[in-house]
Amino acid sequence: MSLYQRGKSWYYDFLYRGKRCTGCIGPVSRTVAKEIEAKKKAEAVEGRYELPSKKPALGLDEFATAYFASDRANRRPRSVTRHAYACRARRPTFGHLRLSEISAPAIERYKRQRKEAGVSIVPLGSSNDTTEAFSSGAD
């Protein structure tokens, strides 16, 4: 389906050379929506259609820094400490990856390796050291 309506707004959705082109036309009549869709298809054929740029996914380190700032403000200190332990243990394996690059099989492989190695988590000094311990790289 190339043209469809949700609520009062019209949307277009088509493929051109394997790339998906989608967008909202707005609350217009069906005939106007068909005309706009035809213009968008023509732009795609001429090479003028710009796909919206995607933001790159955050890395685990960047995500953890933002998460712990929010976590400290909204959770109990023991919860923050527990989350820091979990994140700190995963940093050597996943710290250099973007969140979109971390897959379920990779996590399962990681858990199996830790179980086989008998690795336990070493507690941090205090709940105030969570972000410092994570960002310093100390394990």
C-alpha atoms as a PDB file:
ATOM      1  CA  MET A   1       0.000   0.000   0.000  1.00  0.00           C
ATOM      2  CA  SER A   2       1.523   3.252  -1.118  1.00  0.00           C
ATOM      3  CA  LEU A   3      -0.936   5.822   0.194  1.00  0.00           C
ATOM      4  CA  TYR A   4      -2.942   5.437   3.388  1.00  0.00           C
ATOM      5  CA  GLN A   5      -4.790   7.465   5.975  1.00  0.00           C
ATOM      6  CA  ARG A   6      -4.397   7.356   9.758  1.00  0.00           C
ATOM      7  CA  GLY A   7      -6.809   9.555  11.606  1.00  0.00           C
ATOM      8  CA  LYS A   8      -7.161  12.653   9.465  1.00  0.00           C
ATOM      9  CA  SER A   9      -3.633  12.631   8.021  1.00  0.00           C
ATOM     10  CA  TRP A  10      -2.440  10.964   4.825  1.00  0.00           C
ATOM     11  CA  TYR A  11       0.863   9.094   4.608  1.00  0.00           C
ATOM     12  CA  TYR A  12       2.906   7.794   1.693  1.00  0.00           C
ATOM     13  CA  ASP A  13       5.086   4.712   1.804  1.00  0.00           C
ATOM     14  CA  PHE A  14       6.940   3.244  -1.195  1.00  0.00           C
ATOM     15  CA  LEU A  15      10.195   1.545  -2.145  1.00  0.00           C
ATOM     16  CA  TYR A  16      12.610   2.901  -4.713  1.00  0.00           C
ATOM     17  CA  ARG A  17      15.730   0.872  -5.523  1.00  0.00           C
ATOM     18  CA  GLY A  18      15.482  -0.992  -2.247  1.00  0.00           C
ATOM     19  CA  LYS A  19      15.155   2.116  -0.086  1.00  0.00           C
ATOM     20  CA  ARG A  20      11.981   2.827   1.781  1.00  0.00           C
ATOM     21  CA  CYS A  21      10.533   6.309   1.371  1.00  0.00           C
ATOM     22  CA  THR A  22       7.895   7.300   3.917  1.00  0.00           C
ATOM     23  CA  GLY A  23       6.373  10.507   5.144  1.00  0.00           C
ATOM     24  CA  CYS A  24       3.331  12.339   6.388  1.00  0.00           C
ATOM     25  CA  ILE A  25       1.403  14.511   3.961  1.00  0.00           C
ATOM     26  CA  GLY A  26      -1.040  15.901   6.489  1.00  0.00           C
ATOM     27  CA  PRO A  27      -4.795  16.434   6.715  1.00  0.00           C
ATOM     28  CA  VAL A  28      -5.616  17.025   3.054  1.00  0.00           C
ATOM     29  CA  SER A  29      -8.047  15.470   0.581  1.00  0.00           C
ATOM     30  CA  ARG A  30      -7.257  12.153  -1.068  1.00  0.00           C
ATOM     31  CA  THR A  31      -6.699  13.719  -4.495  1.00  0.00           C
ATOM     32  CA  VAL A  32      -4.187  16.228  -3.089  1.00  0.00           C
ATOM     33  CA  ALA A  33      -2.455  13.394  -1.216  1.00  0.00           C
ATOM     34  CA  LYS A  34      -2.174  11.399  -4.488  1.00  0.00           C
ATOM     35  CA  GLU A  35      -0.599  14.411  -6.221  1.00  0.00           C
ATOM     36  CA  ILE A  36       1.946  14.909  -3.438  1.00  0.00           C
ATOM     37  CA  GLU A  37       2.761  11.204  -3.442  1.00  0.00           C
ATOM     38  CA  ALA A  38       3.352  11.339  -7.215  1.00  0.00           C
ATOM     39  CA  LYS A  39       5.724  14.300  -6.693  1.00  0.00           C
ATOM     40  CA  LYS A  40       7.655  12.382  -4.029  1.00  0.00           C
ATOM     41  CA  LYS A  41       7.987   9.362  -6.344  1.00  0.00           C
ATOM     42  CA  ALA A  42       9.238  11.643  -9.123  1.00  0.00           C
ATOM     43  CA  GLU A  43      11.794  13.167  -6.722  1.00  0.00           C
ATOM     44  CA  ALA A  44      12.997   9.670  -5.842  1.00  0.00           C
ATOM     45  CA  VAL A  45      13.424   8.762  -9.531  1.00  0.00           C
ATOM     46  CA  GLU A  46      15.309  12.008 -10.198  1.00  0.00           C
ATOM     47  CA  GLY A  47      17.515  11.461  -7.148  1.00  0.00           C
ATOM     48  CA  ARG A  48      16.279  14.538  -5.298  1.00  0.00           C
ATOM     49  CA  TYR A  49      14.410  12.675  -2.541  1.00  0.00           C
ATOM     50  CA  GLU A  50      16.380  12.962   0.686  1.00  0.00           C
ATOM     51  CA  LEU A  51      15.967  10.131   3.144  1.00  0.00           C
ATOM     52  CA  PRO A  52      15.844  11.424   6.714  1.00  0.00           C
ATOM     53  CA  SER A  53      19.238  11.009   8.325  1.00  0.00           C
ATOM     54  CA  LYS A  54      19.371   8.527  11.155  1.00  0.00           C
ATOM     55  CA  LYS A  55      21.125   9.405  14.369  1.00  0.00           C
ATOM     56  CA  PRO A  56      23.863   6.943  15.239  1.00  0.00           C
ATOM     57  CA  ALA A  57      23.064   4.769  18.239  1.00  0.00           C
ATOM     58  CA  LEU A  58      24.736   5.617  21.520  1.00  0.00           C
ATOM     59  CA  GLY A  59      27.676   3.610  22.735  1.00  0.00           C
ATOM     60  CA  LEU A  60      27.371   1.705  26.000  1.00  0.00           C
ATOM     61  CA  ASP A  61      29.709   4.152  27.764  1.00  0.00           C
ATOM     62  CA  GLU A  62      27.704   7.202  26.627  1.00  0.00           C
ATOM     63  CA  PHE A  63      24.427   5.520  27.521  1.00  0.00           C
ATOM     64  CA  ALA A  64      25.679   4.515  30.985  1.00  0.00           C
ATOM     65  CA  THR A  65      26.801   8.070  31.776  1.00  0.00           C
ATOM     66  CA  ALA A  66      23.385   9.480  30.886  1.00  0.00           C
ATOM     67  CA  TYR A  67      21.560   6.606  32.564  1.00  0.00           C
ATOM     68  CA  PHE A  68      23.398   6.927  35.872  1.00  0.00           C
ATOM     69  CA  ALA A  69      22.714  10.665  36.033  1.00  0.00           C
ATOM     70  CA  SER A  70      18.992   9.914  35.735  1.00  0.00           C
ATOM     71  CA  ASP A  71      19.247   6.814  37.911  1.00  0.00           C
ATOM     72  CA  ARG A  72      20.844   8.704  40.808  1.00  0.00           C
ATOM     73  CA  ALA A  73      18.062  11.308  40.737  1.00  0.00           C
ATOM     74  CA  ASN A  74      15.150   8.857  40.528  1.00  0.00           C
ATOM     75  CA  ARG A  75      16.125   5.678  42.398  1.00  0.00           C
ATOM     76  CA  ARG A  76      17.242   4.527  45.789  1.00  0.00           C
ATOM     77  CA  PRO A  77      21.017   4.429  46.405  1.00  0.00           C
ATOM     78  CA  ARG A  78      21.135   0.621  46.621  1.00  0.00           C
ATOM     79  CA  SER A  79      19.414   0.311  43.241  1.00  0.00           C
ATOM     80  CA  VAL A  80      21.946   2.695  41.711  1.00  0.00           C
ATOM     81  CA  THR A  81      24.780   0.626  43.174  1.00  0.00           C
ATOM     82  CA  ARG A  82      23.277  -2.639  41.864  1.00  0.00           C
ATOM     83  CA  HIS A  83      22.902  -1.161  38.373  1.00  0.00           C
ATOM     84  CA  ALA A  84      26.498   0.087  38.477  1.00  0.00           C
ATOM     85  CA  TYR A  85      27.749  -3.414  39.340  1.00  0.00           C
ATOM     86  CA  ALA A  86      25.904  -4.926  36.410  1.00  0.00           C
ATOM     87  CA  CYS A  87      27.071  -2.261  33.977  1.00  0.00           C
ATOM     88  CA  ARG A  88      30.643  -2.311  35.246  1.00  0.00           C
ATOM     89  CA  ALA A  89      30.894  -6.072  34.714  1.00  0.00           C
ATOM     90  CA  ARG A  90      29.786  -5.759  31.091  1.00  0.00           C
ATOM     91  CA  ARG A  91      32.052  -2.864  30.176  1.00  0.00           C
ATOM     92  CA  PRO A  92      35.136  -4.841  29.072  1.00  0.00           C
ATOM     93  CA  THR A  93      33.026  -6.931  26.686  1.00  0.00           C
ATOM     94  CA  PHE A  94      30.498  -4.390  25.402  1.00  0.00           C
ATOM     95  CA  GLY A  95      31.901  -0.945  26.351  1.00  0.00           C
ATOM     96  CA  HIS A  96      33.324  -0.206  22.893  1.00  0.00           C
ATOM     97  CA  LEU A  97      30.112  -1.182  21.031  1.00  0.00           C
ATOM     98  CA  ARG A  98      27.094   0.880  20.052  1.00  0.00           C
ATOM     99  CA  LEU A  99      23.813  -0.252  21.612  1.00  0.00           C
ATOM    100  CA  SER A 100      22.516  -1.292  18.186  1.00  0.00           C
ATOM    101  CA  GLU A 101      25.514  -3.631  17.788  1.00  0.00           C
ATOM    102  CA  ILE A 102      24.816  -5.599  20.977  1.00  0.00           C
ATOM    103  CA  SER A 103      22.757  -8.652  20.037  1.00  0.00           C
ATOM    104  CA  ALA A 104      20.900 -11.219  22.114  1.00  0.00           C
ATOM    105  CA  PRO A 105      23.262 -14.061  21.064  1.00  0.00           C
ATOM    106  CA  ALA A 106      26.259 -11.947  22.122  1.00  0.00           C
ATOM    107  CA  ILE A 107      24.703 -11.394  25.549  1.00  0.00           C
ATOM    108  CA  GLU A 108      23.943 -15.112  25.945  1.00  0.00           C
ATOM    109  CA  ARG A 109      27.536 -15.966  24.943  1.00  0.00           C
ATOM    110  CA  TYR A 110      28.814 -13.435  27.492  1.00  0.00           C
ATOM    111  CA  LYS A 111      26.637 -14.906  30.269  1.00  0.00           C
ATOM    112  CA  ARG A 112      27.790 -18.447  29.441  1.00  0.00           C
ATOM    113  CA  GLN A 113      31.460 -17.402  29.520  1.00  0.00           C
ATOM    114  CA  ARG A 114      31.047 -15.676  32.890  1.00  0.00           C
ATOM    115  CA  LYS A 115      29.252 -18.706  34.326  1.00  0.00           C
ATOM    116  CA  GLU A 116      31.967 -21.075  33.086  1.00  0.00           C
ATOM    117  CA  ALA A 117      34.718 -18.825  34.448  1.00  0.00           C
ATOM    118  CA  GLY A 118      32.977 -18.485  37.828  1.00  0.00           C
ATOM    119  CA  VAL A 119      33.372 -14.702  37.786  1.00  0.00           C
ATOM    120  CA  SER A 120      31.715 -12.783  40.593  1.00  0.00           C
ATOM    121  CA  ILE A 121      31.107  -9.065  40.802  1.00  0.00           C
ATOM    122  CA  VAL A 122      33.422  -7.097  43.093  1.00  0.00           C
ATOM    123  CA  PRO A 123      31.457  -4.483  45.093  1.00  0.00           C
ATOM    124  CA  LEU A 124      32.189  -0.791  44.718  1.00  0.00           C
ATOM    125  CA  GLY A 125      33.351   1.327  47.652  1.00  0.00           C
ATOM    126  CA  SER A 126      30.110   3.281  48.075  1.00  0.00           C
ATOM    127  CA  SER A 127      26.984   4.200  46.147  1.00  0.00           C
ATOM    128  CA  ASN A 128      28.471   7.630  45.366  1.00  0.00           C
ATOM    129  CA  ASP A 129      31.257   6.037  43.288  1.00  0.00           C
ATOM    130  CA  THR A 130      29.012   4.518  40.632  1.00  0.00           C
ATOM    131  CA  THR A 131      29.721   6.737  37.652  1.00  0.00           C
ATOM    132  CA  GLU A 132      33.340   7.319  38.608  1.00  0.00           C
ATOM    133  CA  ALA A 133      33.988   3.575  38.834  1.00  0.00           C
ATOM    134  CA  PHE A 134      32.250   2.942  35.544  1.00  0.00           C
ATOM    135  CA  SER A 135      33.957   5.733  33.622  1.00  0.00           C
ATOM    136  CA  SER A 136      37.435   5.105  35.042  1.00  0.00           C
ATOM    137  CA  GLY A 137      37.576   1.601  33.623  1.00  0.00           C
ATOM    138  CA  ALA A 138      38.673   0.026  36.909  1.00  0.00           C
ATOM    139  CA  ASP A 139      37.492  -3.561  37.311  1.00  0.00           C
END
